[in-house]
Protein backbone atom coordinates (compact mmCIF):
# COMPACT_ATOMS: atom_id res chain seq x y z
CA MET A 1 12.56 33.13 10.20
CA VAL A 2 13.32 32.51 13.86
CA GLU A 3 10.77 35.11 14.90
CA HIS A 4 8.18 33.53 12.64
CA LEU A 5 8.79 30.11 14.22
CA ARG A 6 8.53 31.56 17.72
CA HIS A 7 5.23 33.17 16.77
CA LEU A 8 3.93 29.85 15.40
CA ARG A 9 4.87 28.05 18.63
CA GLN A 10 2.72 30.45 20.63
CA LEU A 11 -0.42 29.97 18.55
CA PRO A 12 -3.17 27.75 20.01
CA LEU A 13 -3.40 24.17 18.79
CA VAL A 14 -6.12 23.30 16.32
CA GLU A 15 -8.48 20.37 16.61
CA CYS A 16 -7.46 17.01 15.17
CA HIS A 17 -8.46 16.66 11.53
CA THR A 18 -10.70 13.64 10.95
CA GLY A 19 -12.15 14.59 7.57
CA PRO A 20 -11.34 13.31 4.10
CA VAL A 21 -7.93 13.78 2.56
CA ILE A 22 -7.39 14.47 -1.13
CA PHE A 23 -4.20 13.14 -2.69
CA LEU A 24 -2.95 14.88 -5.83
CA GLY A 25 -0.20 14.23 -8.37
CA GLN A 26 2.67 12.04 -7.23
CA ALA A 27 1.05 11.42 -3.82
CA ALA A 28 -2.04 9.93 -5.48
CA THR A 29 0.13 7.69 -7.63
CA GLU A 30 2.18 6.48 -4.66
CA LEU A 31 -0.92 5.82 -2.56
CA PHE A 32 -2.50 3.76 -5.32
CA SER A 33 0.63 1.82 -6.23
CA GLN A 34 1.67 1.05 -2.65
CA GLY A 35 -1.73 0.83 -0.98
CA PHE A 36 -4.04 -0.82 -3.49
CA VAL A 37 -2.10 -2.57 -6.24
CA PRO A 38 -0.62 -5.31 -4.00
CA TYR A 39 -4.17 -6.44 -3.16
CA MET A 40 -5.25 -6.43 -6.81
CA LEU A 41 -2.50 -8.67 -8.18
CA ALA A 42 -3.33 -12.23 -9.13
CA THR A 43 -0.81 -15.01 -8.70
CA ARG A 44 -1.06 -17.85 -11.17
CA TRP A 45 0.17 -21.29 -10.35
CA VAL A 46 2.78 -22.78 -12.67
CA LEU A 47 1.61 -26.16 -13.92
CA SER A 48 3.82 -28.63 -15.72
CA ASP A 49 3.57 -32.03 -17.34
CA ASN A 50 6.45 -33.37 -15.26
CA PRO A 51 5.26 -35.82 -12.58
CA GLY A 52 6.64 -34.93 -9.19
CA ASP A 53 7.40 -31.36 -10.22
CA PRO A 54 7.49 -29.12 -7.11
CA ALA A 55 5.20 -26.64 -8.85
CA ASP A 56 2.51 -29.31 -9.29
CA ASP A 57 2.92 -30.44 -5.68
CA ALA A 58 2.52 -26.88 -4.40
CA TYR A 59 -0.63 -26.43 -6.48
CA ALA A 60 -2.13 -29.67 -5.22
CA HIS A 61 -1.44 -28.75 -1.57
CA ALA A 62 -2.89 -25.25 -1.99
CA ARG A 63 -6.16 -26.58 -3.42
CA HIS A 64 -6.84 -28.82 -0.40
């Protein structure tokens, strides 16, 4: 194994890869769940019938 690693160190460097990348299996799942899902979630405001409820106040401030 050491000889193999020494041989690899002596090989010339390749160009930087700038092309597309294909994610398969678990990597595709992780990319989607961590990279896209947070931007697709909708947050709903909690509304109540209680005057002065902090949830109603936050909703009113966010709309203006």
